[in-house]
Amino acid sequence: MKLADPIVQWQDDLTAIRRDIHAHPELAYEELRTSDLVARQLESWGIEIHRGLGGTGVVGIIRGKTDNGRAVGLRADMDALPMQEANTFEHASRHPGKMHACGHDGHTAMLLSAARYLAGHRDFDGTVYVIFQPAEEGFSGARKMIEDGLFQLFPMEAVFGMHNWPGMPAGSFGMVAGPIMASSNVFEILIEGKGAHAAMPHMGNDPVMAAVHLAQIFQTVISRELDPQDPAVLSITQIHAGSADNVIPNDAALRGTVRTFSTAALDLIEKRMAEITELSCLAMNCKASFNFSRNYPPTVNHPDEAAFCAEVAADIVGAEHVDPAVRPSMCSEDFAFMLQEKPGCYVWIGNGQGDHRSAGHGLGPCTLHNGSYDFNDALLPVGATYWVELAVRRLARDAAAS
């Protein structure tokens, strides 16, 4: 493994920063302490900063030895999740109901370390923008930064993201050309029937049976109407109806999520769900309203950038520890919005199986969005070195191509 020596020597500093952020989690658009910490660290290394994009976002501007008009962006997310931490080690969350259960604390620390190195080794041409983004966890912080002028204020030719991935060997890398994560969408269906005594169902219009019918028939959209080679998931996660054993209720509600790797699949699913809802409920003498919200698009890596990221990662950790065609996930990621605007690639860095956790961890698995999760601090110099090599080599390649 070829790691940058100064970054390796900063391991204790990096770990302290990461654990400090972990102990003080902040939810979407509330990352005031975290953004203050990021800004303070960047300025201490002589890095020009810009604050306020997306509310609490921070962008660091690291200029090389010459300004040739070339620039690249590196992005990390900062927000935590609204969930209770099960760990009791020293750096566990000090705020009940809030936890860094997705590793954004580690992502922030890795990018900070890379920024520190680049600020002290400006022997590259062009500019590196380090982007510390708020509100990834379901609140579209990436889109908000873009709407606030991210790519106008900081013109860049490509943008890159990275996320730790439990289950992959620690320090390994995975990426793929094309979709690596799915779109995230939610739906709500409200069914209006006619209540009746449960012993006299013929006197009502049963919304519960309409809901059950919808729950079953929706799955035929996936199994019988969608191209089997275009994966999608339709999960009904909530059905609410009734309050008594002997009463057919007046209404029922269904809620859930749809995940796809393509917009074409999403268009088909939304269209057919709406049609099925209207016609099926009508057939059962009920009325229905159908609401479908598209939250995050698929995260789609650009082929050239994916190949480049694989090459950089292989030079650091060895080709045998890089999977350039990793199996995509049906989870979602709002870095997708950035990849819709600029060429780039989103990679995974393996977080291991959880045996890195110190005494005091919870009894659950070390998986994302789990109360027993903790970021693997051994990744900090690996991820930071990757960021440095990626940025410097990309700028050098662009300069040579021009």
Protein backbone atom coordinates (compact mmCIF):
# COMPACT_ATOMS: atom_id res chain seq x y z
CA MET A 1 0.00 0.00 0.00
CA LYS A 2 1.45 3.35 -1.07
CA LEU A 3 0.32 6.05 1.33
CA ALA A 4 1.52 9.65 1.55
CA ASP A 5 3.97 9.82 4.47
CA PRO A 6 2.73 13.09 6.01
CA ILE A 7 -0.85 11.81 5.93
CA VAL A 8 0.17 8.60 7.71
CA GLN A 9 1.91 10.66 10.38
CA TRP A 10 -1.29 12.67 10.89
CA GLN A 11 -3.23 9.52 11.82
CA ASP A 12 -3.70 10.55 15.47
CA ASP A 13 -4.83 14.05 14.50
CA LEU A 14 -7.18 12.64 11.89
CA THR A 15 -8.66 10.16 14.34
CA ALA A 16 -9.20 12.86 16.96
CA ILE A 17 -11.05 15.05 14.45
CA ARG A 18 -13.16 12.15 13.22
CA ARG A 19 -14.14 11.08 16.72
CA ASP A 20 -14.89 14.63 17.77
CA ILE A 21 -17.31 14.96 14.87
CA HIS A 22 -18.81 11.56 15.72
CA ALA A 23 -19.41 12.64 19.32
CA HIS A 24 -21.22 15.79 18.17
CA PRO A 25 -23.58 14.69 15.37
CA GLU A 26 -25.74 17.28 13.64
CA LEU A 27 -28.73 16.65 11.39
CA ALA A 28 -29.43 18.01 7.92
CA TYR A 29 -28.92 21.77 7.58
CA GLU A 30 -28.01 21.96 11.29
CA GLU A 31 -24.29 21.25 10.77
CA LEU A 32 -23.17 24.50 12.40
CA ARG A 33 -20.54 23.08 14.74
CA THR A 34 -19.24 20.72 12.06
CA SER A 35 -18.97 23.42 9.40
CA ASP A 36 -17.25 25.70 11.90
CA LEU A 37 -14.74 22.95 12.62
CA VAL A 38 -14.15 22.36 8.91
CA ALA A 39 -13.74 26.06 8.17
CA ARG A 40 -11.39 26.56 11.11
CA GLN A 41 -9.17 23.67 10.06
CA LEU A 42 -9.03 24.78 6.43
CA GLU A 43 -8.13 28.35 7.34
CA SER A 44 -5.43 27.15 9.74
CA TRP A 45 -3.73 25.54 6.73
CA GLY A 46 -3.93 28.72 4.66
CA ILE A 47 -6.85 27.57 2.53
CA GLU A 48 -9.31 30.13 1.22
CA ILE A 49 -12.88 29.20 2.11
CA HIS A 50 -16.39 30.03 1.00
CA ARG A 51 -19.32 29.39 3.33
CA GLY A 52 -23.09 29.34 3.04
CA LEU A 53 -23.84 27.22 -0.01
CA GLY A 54 -26.65 24.90 0.97
CA GLY A 55 -26.89 26.80 4.25
CA THR A 56 -24.06 25.15 6.14
CA GLY A 57 -21.84 24.03 3.26
CA VAL A 58 -18.13 24.86 3.12
CA VAL A 59 -15.93 24.99 0.02
CA GLY A 60 -12.15 25.20 0.28
CA ILE A 61 -10.16 26.61 -2.65
CA ILE A 62 -6.64 25.17 -3.01
CA ARG A 63 -4.70 26.79 -5.82
CA GLY A 64 -1.66 25.09 -7.30
CA LYS A 65 1.60 26.64 -8.45
CA THR A 66 -0.04 27.96 -11.62
CA ASP A 67 -3.58 28.80 -12.60
CA ASN A 68 -4.18 27.10 -15.93
CA GLY A 69 -7.94 27.31 -15.71
CA ARG A 70 -8.27 23.63 -14.81
CA ALA A 71 -10.13 22.57 -11.66
CA VAL A 72 -11.46 19.46 -9.99
CA GLY A 73 -13.93 19.01 -7.13
CA LEU A 74 -13.78 16.54 -4.23
CA ARG A 75 -16.90 16.14 -2.11
CA ALA A 76 -17.61 14.86 1.42
CA ASP A 77 -20.91 14.89 3.33
CA MET A 78 -21.23 16.14 6.91
CA ASP A 79 -24.70 15.34 8.32
CA ALA A 80 -25.76 12.65 10.78
CA LEU A 81 -28.93 10.57 11.12
CA PRO A 82 -31.93 10.99 13.46
CA MET A 83 -31.37 7.72 15.33
CA GLN A 84 -30.15 6.53 18.71
CA GLU A 85 -26.58 5.27 19.03
CA ALA A 86 -26.14 1.88 20.73
CA ASN A 87 -22.39 2.29 21.26
CA THR A 88 -21.01 3.37 24.64
CA PHE A 89 -17.35 3.99 23.80
CA GLU A 90 -15.83 7.36 24.60
CA HIS A 91 -16.60 9.03 21.29
CA ALA A 92 -20.22 7.87 21.14
CA SER A 93 -22.85 10.49 20.37
CA ARG A 94 -23.46 13.01 23.13
CA HIS A 95 -26.81 14.00 21.63
CA PRO A 96 -29.69 11.54 22.17
CA GLY A 97 -31.50 10.68 18.97
CA LYS A 98 -28.65 11.76 16.71
CA MET A 99 -25.84 9.58 15.39
CA HIS A 100 -23.17 9.40 12.72
CA ALA A 101 -24.35 5.99 11.57
CA CYS A 102 -23.29 6.38 7.95
CA GLY A 103 -19.65 7.45 8.29
CA HIS A 104 -19.97 11.06 7.24
CA ASP A 105 -17.68 11.89 10.14
CA GLY A 106 -14.99 9.77 8.46
CA HIS A 107 -15.70 11.22 5.02
CA THR A 108 -15.22 14.74 6.40
CA ALA A 109 -11.98 13.79 8.19
CA MET A 110 -10.51 12.12 5.09
CA LEU A 111 -11.18 15.15 2.90
CA LEU A 112 -9.81 17.49 5.56
CA SER A 113 -6.57 15.51 5.63
CA ALA A 114 -6.31 15.62 1.83
CA ALA A 115 -6.88 19.38 1.92
CA ARG A 116 -4.12 19.80 4.50
CA TYR A 117 -1.69 17.86 2.32
CA LEU A 118 -2.59 19.72 -0.87
CA ALA A 119 -2.26 23.07 0.91
CA GLY A 120 1.28 22.16 1.93
CA HIS A 121 2.24 20.64 -1.44
CA ARG A 122 1.01 23.05 -4.09
CA ASP A 123 3.28 21.63 -6.78
CA PHE A 124 0.39 20.98 -9.13
CA ASP A 125 -1.21 23.06 -11.85
CA GLY A 126 -4.79 24.17 -11.49
CA THR A 127 -7.22 24.30 -8.58
CA VAL A 128 -8.74 21.76 -6.22
CA TYR A 129 -12.10 22.54 -4.66
CA VAL A 130 -12.86 20.57 -1.49
CA ILE A 131 -16.63 20.49 -1.03
CA PHE A 132 -18.10 19.81 2.41
CA GLN A 133 -21.80 19.23 1.82
CA PRO A 134 -24.71 19.31 4.28
CA ALA A 135 -27.92 17.32 4.28
CA GLU A 136 -27.15 14.20 2.26
CA GLU A 137 -29.47 12.03 4.34
CA GLY A 138 -32.71 12.59 2.46
CA PHE A 139 -32.68 16.38 2.28
CA SER A 140 -30.90 17.02 -1.04
CA GLY A 141 -27.97 19.05 0.23
CA ALA A 142 -26.09 18.49 -3.03
CA ARG A 143 -28.95 19.91 -5.06
CA LYS A 144 -29.21 22.89 -2.70
CA MET A 145 -25.50 23.67 -3.11
CA ILE A 146 -25.90 23.47 -6.88
CA GLU A 147 -28.94 25.76 -6.78
CA ASP A 148 -26.91 28.20 -4.68
CA GLY A 149 -24.30 28.39 -7.44
CA LEU A 150 -21.69 25.74 -6.63
CA PHE A 151 -20.63 25.12 -10.20
CA GLN A 152 -20.94 28.75 -11.26
CA LEU A 153 -18.84 30.09 -8.40
CA PHE A 154 -16.35 27.23 -8.63
CA PRO A 155 -16.10 26.06 -12.24
CA MET A 156 -14.71 22.54 -12.31
CA GLU A 157 -14.29 20.03 -15.06
CA ALA A 158 -15.09 16.99 -12.93
CA VAL A 159 -16.35 16.15 -9.46
CA PHE A 160 -15.73 13.05 -7.35
CA GLY A 161 -17.31 11.45 -4.28
CA MET A 162 -16.49 8.58 -1.90
CA HIS A 163 -18.41 6.57 0.69
CA ASN A 164 -17.27 3.92 3.14
CA TRP A 165 -18.84 0.51 2.51
CA PRO A 166 -19.20 -2.05 5.33
CA GLY A 167 -18.67 -5.64 4.27
CA MET A 168 -15.97 -4.81 1.74
CA PRO A 169 -12.43 -5.54 2.97
CA ALA A 170 -11.05 -2.54 4.84
CA GLY A 171 -9.13 -0.23 2.53
CA SER A 172 -10.29 -1.87 -0.70
CA PHE A 173 -12.08 0.13 -3.38
CA GLY A 174 -15.10 -0.50 -5.57
CA MET A 175 -16.58 1.46 -8.46
CA VAL A 176 -18.42 0.79 -11.70
CA ALA A 177 -19.10 2.62 -14.93
CA GLY A 178 -22.78 3.52 -15.04
CA PRO A 179 -25.24 3.28 -12.15
CA ILE A 180 -23.67 2.48 -8.78
CA MET A 181 -26.63 3.49 -6.61
CA ALA A 182 -30.34 3.70 -7.28
CA SER A 183 -32.88 6.47 -7.41
CA SER A 184 -34.89 7.05 -4.25
CA ASN A 185 -38.62 7.73 -4.50
CA VAL A 186 -41.58 7.53 -2.14
CA PHE A 187 -45.29 7.11 -2.68
CA GLU A 188 -48.47 7.56 -0.64
CA ILE A 189 -51.89 6.19 -1.58
CA LEU A 190 -54.99 7.28 0.32
CA ILE A 191 -58.05 5.09 -0.26
CA GLU A 192 -61.53 6.34 0.59
CA GLY A 193 -64.17 3.66 1.06
CA LYS A 194 -67.36 3.37 3.06
CA GLY A 195 -67.30 2.06 6.60
CA ALA A 196 -69.61 -0.63 7.86
CA HIS A 197 -70.07 -3.19 10.60
CA ALA A 198 -67.66 -6.05 9.99
CA ALA A 199 -70.58 -8.49 10.26
CA MET A 200 -72.34 -6.68 7.41
CA PRO A 201 -69.61 -6.00 4.81
CA HIS A 202 -72.15 -5.76 1.99
CA MET A 203 -73.27 -2.40 3.40
CA GLY A 204 -69.85 -0.79 2.93
CA ASN A 205 -67.03 -0.41 0.44
CA ASP A 206 -63.99 -2.00 2.02
CA PRO A 207 -60.79 0.11 1.65
CA VAL A 208 -58.75 -2.59 3.42
CA MET A 209 -59.42 -5.10 0.64
CA ALA A 210 -58.59 -2.43 -1.93
CA ALA A 211 -55.27 -1.81 -0.16
CA VAL A 212 -54.49 -5.53 -0.04
CA HIS A 213 -55.31 -5.85 -3.74
CA LEU A 214 -52.98 -2.96 -4.60
CA ALA A 215 -50.17 -4.40 -2.50
CA GLN A 216 -50.34 -7.60 -4.51
CA ILE A 217 -50.88 -6.29 -8.00
CA PHE A 218 -48.12 -3.65 -7.76
CA GLN A 219 -45.56 -6.44 -7.72
CA THR A 220 -46.65 -7.53 -11.19
CA VAL A 221 -45.33 -4.22 -12.50
CA ILE A 222 -41.85 -5.35 -11.45
CA SER A 223 -42.20 -9.02 -12.40
CA ARG A 224 -44.26 -8.75 -15.59
CA GLU A 225 -43.95 -5.27 -17.10
CA LEU A 226 -40.36 -4.19 -16.42
CA ASP A 227 -37.38 -5.45 -18.40
CA PRO A 228 -35.75 -8.05 -16.10
CA GLN A 229 -32.35 -6.61 -17.02
CA ASP A 230 -33.35 -3.18 -15.71
CA PRO A 231 -33.49 -3.80 -11.94
CA ALA A 232 -36.02 -2.09 -9.71
CA VAL A 233 -37.50 -2.45 -6.23
CA LEU A 234 -41.05 -1.56 -5.18
CA SER A 235 -41.55 -1.96 -1.45
CA ILE A 236 -44.75 -1.20 0.44
CA THR A 237 -43.52 -0.38 3.91
CA GLN A 238 -46.71 0.88 5.58
CA ILE A 239 -50.38 -0.05 5.49
CA HIS A 240 -52.64 1.81 7.90
CA ALA A 241 -56.34 1.15 8.36
CA GLY A 242 -58.93 0.67 11.01
CA SER A 243 -59.14 0.94 14.79
CA ALA A 244 -61.49 -1.84 15.89
CA ASP A 245 -61.89 -5.57 15.28
CA ASN A 246 -65.52 -5.36 14.23
CA VAL A 247 -65.48 -2.23 12.09
CA ILE A 248 -64.69 -1.91 8.40
CA PRO A 249 -62.99 1.51 8.29
CA ASN A 250 -63.76 4.41 6.02
CA ASP A 251 -60.24 4.70 4.66
CA ALA A 252 -56.84 3.12 4.33
CA ALA A 253 -53.34 4.31 3.43
CA LEU A 254 -50.32 2.70 1.80
CA ARG A 255 -46.80 4.11 1.74
CA GLY A 256 -43.50 2.86 0.45
CA THR A 257 -40.48 3.34 -1.75
CA VAL A 258 -39.41 2.68 -5.33
CA ARG A 259 -35.75 2.26 -6.33
CA THR A 260 -34.45 2.09 -9.91
CA PHE A 261 -31.18 2.40 -11.81
CA SER A 262 -32.80 4.08 -14.82
CA THR A 263 -35.25 6.89 -15.42
CA ALA A 264 -37.08 4.79 -18.00
CA ALA A 265 -37.87 2.15 -15.39
CA LEU A 266 -38.98 4.82 -12.95
CA ASP A 267 -41.28 6.44 -15.52
CA LEU A 268 -42.92 3.10 -16.24
CA ILE A 269 -43.40 2.19 -12.59
CA GLU A 270 -44.88 5.55 -11.61
CA LYS A 271 -47.25 5.54 -14.60
CA ARG A 272 -48.50 2.02 -13.99
CA MET A 273 -48.88 2.51 -10.25
CA ALA A 274 -51.07 5.54 -10.87
CA GLU A 275 -53.23 3.69 -13.41
CA ILE A 276 -53.57 0.58 -11.26
CA THR A 277 -54.48 2.64 -8.19
CA GLU A 278 -57.24 4.51 -9.96
CA LEU A 279 -58.79 1.58 -11.82
CA SER A 280 -58.44 -1.08 -9.10
CA CYS A 281 -59.96 1.11 -6.42
CA LEU A 282 -62.75 2.12 -8.80
CA ALA A 283 -63.48 -1.57 -9.42
CA MET A 284 -63.86 -2.00 -5.67
CA ASN A 285 -66.15 1.02 -5.32
CA CYS A 286 -63.49 3.11 -3.59
CA LYS A 287 -61.80 6.39 -4.44
CA ALA A 288 -58.05 6.87 -4.26
CA SER A 289 -55.43 9.61 -4.42
CA PHE A 290 -51.93 8.73 -5.61
CA ASN A 291 -48.88 10.81 -4.70
CA PHE A 292 -45.41 9.96 -5.96
CA SER A 293 -42.30 11.97 -5.02
CA ARG A 294 -38.97 11.61 -6.81
CA ASN A 295 -36.28 12.35 -4.25
CA TYR A 296 -32.84 11.33 -5.56
CA PRO A 297 -32.01 10.24 -9.12
CA PRO A 298 -29.74 7.25 -9.79
CA THR A 299 -26.05 7.83 -9.06
CA VAL A 300 -24.52 7.25 -12.48
CA ASN A 301 -20.74 7.20 -12.87
CA HIS A 302 -19.18 8.45 -16.08
CA PRO A 303 -17.17 5.66 -17.76
CA ASP A 304 -13.93 7.60 -18.32
CA GLU A 305 -13.88 8.89 -14.75
CA ALA A 306 -14.72 5.46 -13.32
CA ALA A 307 -11.78 3.92 -15.18
CA PHE A 308 -9.52 6.72 -13.99
CA CYS A 309 -10.58 6.26 -10.36
CA ALA A 310 -9.91 2.53 -10.61
CA GLU A 311 -6.42 3.24 -11.95
CA VAL A 312 -5.63 5.68 -9.14
CA ALA A 313 -6.95 3.35 -6.44
CA ALA A 314 -5.01 0.39 -7.85
CA ASP A 315 -1.76 2.34 -7.70
CA ILE A 316 -2.38 2.99 -3.99
CA VAL A 317 -3.74 -0.31 -2.67
CA GLY A 318 -2.92 -2.74 -5.49
CA ALA A 319 -5.13 -3.90 -8.35
CA GLU A 320 -6.16 -7.01 -6.40
CA HIS A 321 -7.89 -4.72 -3.88
CA VAL A 322 -9.91 -2.78 -6.45
CA ASP A 323 -13.15 -3.97 -8.01
CA PRO A 324 -13.77 -1.85 -11.14
CA ALA A 325 -17.14 -3.53 -11.76
CA VAL A 326 -18.56 -3.66 -8.25
CA ARG A 327 -22.16 -4.78 -7.83
CA PRO A 328 -24.37 -1.67 -7.53
CA SER A 329 -26.60 -1.00 -4.52
CA MET A 330 -30.29 -0.15 -4.37
CA CYS A 331 -29.47 2.45 -1.72
CA SER A 332 -29.41 6.06 -2.89
CA GLU A 333 -27.07 9.05 -2.69
CA ASP A 334 -27.60 12.71 -3.50
CA PHE A 335 -24.15 12.99 -5.09
CA ALA A 336 -26.27 11.89 -8.05
CA PHE A 337 -27.25 15.53 -8.55
CA MET A 338 -23.62 16.55 -8.96
CA LEU A 339 -23.01 13.77 -11.48
CA GLN A 340 -25.95 15.07 -13.51
CA GLU A 341 -24.13 18.38 -13.82
CA LYS A 342 -20.49 17.33 -14.20
CA PRO A 343 -18.46 14.29 -15.26
CA GLY A 344 -17.28 12.32 -12.26
CA CYS A 345 -17.32 9.10 -10.28
CA TYR A 346 -18.55 7.91 -6.92
CA VAL A 347 -16.48 5.14 -5.31
CA TRP A 348 -16.77 2.93 -2.26
CA ILE A 349 -13.93 2.35 0.19
CA GLY A 350 -14.25 -0.84 2.23
CA ASN A 351 -15.02 -0.35 5.93
CA GLY A 352 -14.39 -3.98 6.90
CA GLN A 353 -16.57 -6.35 8.90
CA GLY A 354 -16.69 -4.34 12.13
CA ASP A 355 -13.84 -5.91 14.07
CA HIS A 356 -12.15 -2.49 14.22
CA ARG A 357 -14.67 -1.30 16.80
CA SER A 358 -13.31 -0.74 20.28
CA ALA A 359 -14.82 -2.03 23.48
CA GLY A 360 -18.18 -0.49 24.14
CA HIS A 361 -19.72 -0.99 20.73
CA GLY A 362 -23.34 -2.06 20.45
CA LEU A 363 -24.41 -5.63 19.83
CA GLY A 364 -25.70 -4.95 16.33
CA PRO A 365 -23.71 -5.31 13.11
CA CYS A 366 -21.35 -2.62 11.86
CA THR A 367 -23.56 -1.73 8.90
CA LEU A 368 -24.75 1.62 7.65
CA HIS A 369 -27.74 3.15 9.45
CA ASN A 370 -27.31 0.78 12.40
CA GLY A 371 -26.98 1.90 16.01
CA SER A 372 -23.81 -0.19 16.45
CA TYR A 373 -21.97 1.24 13.44
CA ASP A 374 -18.64 3.06 13.69
CA PHE A 375 -16.32 4.32 10.97
CA ASN A 376 -13.02 2.44 10.63
CA ASP A 377 -10.26 4.94 11.46
CA ALA A 378 -7.69 2.79 9.63
CA LEU A 379 -9.26 4.09 6.40
CA LEU A 380 -8.43 7.72 7.11
CA PRO A 381 -4.93 7.82 5.54
CA VAL A 382 -6.04 5.52 2.71
CA GLY A 383 -8.98 7.69 1.71
CA ALA A 384 -6.97 10.90 2.13
CA THR A 385 -4.13 9.59 -0.05
CA TYR A 386 -6.67 8.54 -2.68
CA TRP A 387 -8.13 12.06 -2.74
CA VAL A 388 -4.71 13.65 -3.15
CA GLU A 389 -3.60 11.30 -5.93
CA LEU A 390 -6.93 11.58 -7.72
CA ALA A 391 -6.91 15.37 -7.74
CA VAL A 392 -3.26 15.87 -8.68
CA ARG A 393 -3.26 13.21 -11.39
CA ARG A 394 -6.56 14.38 -12.86
CA LEU A 395 -5.30 17.95 -13.13
CA ALA A 396 -2.04 16.75 -14.68
CA ARG A 397 -3.93 14.63 -17.20
CA ASP A 398 -6.21 17.50 -18.16
CA ALA A 399 -3.25 19.85 -18.55
CA ALA A 400 -1.44 17.36 -20.78
CA ALA A 401 -4.55 16.83 -22.90
CA SER A 402 -4.86 20.58 -23.50
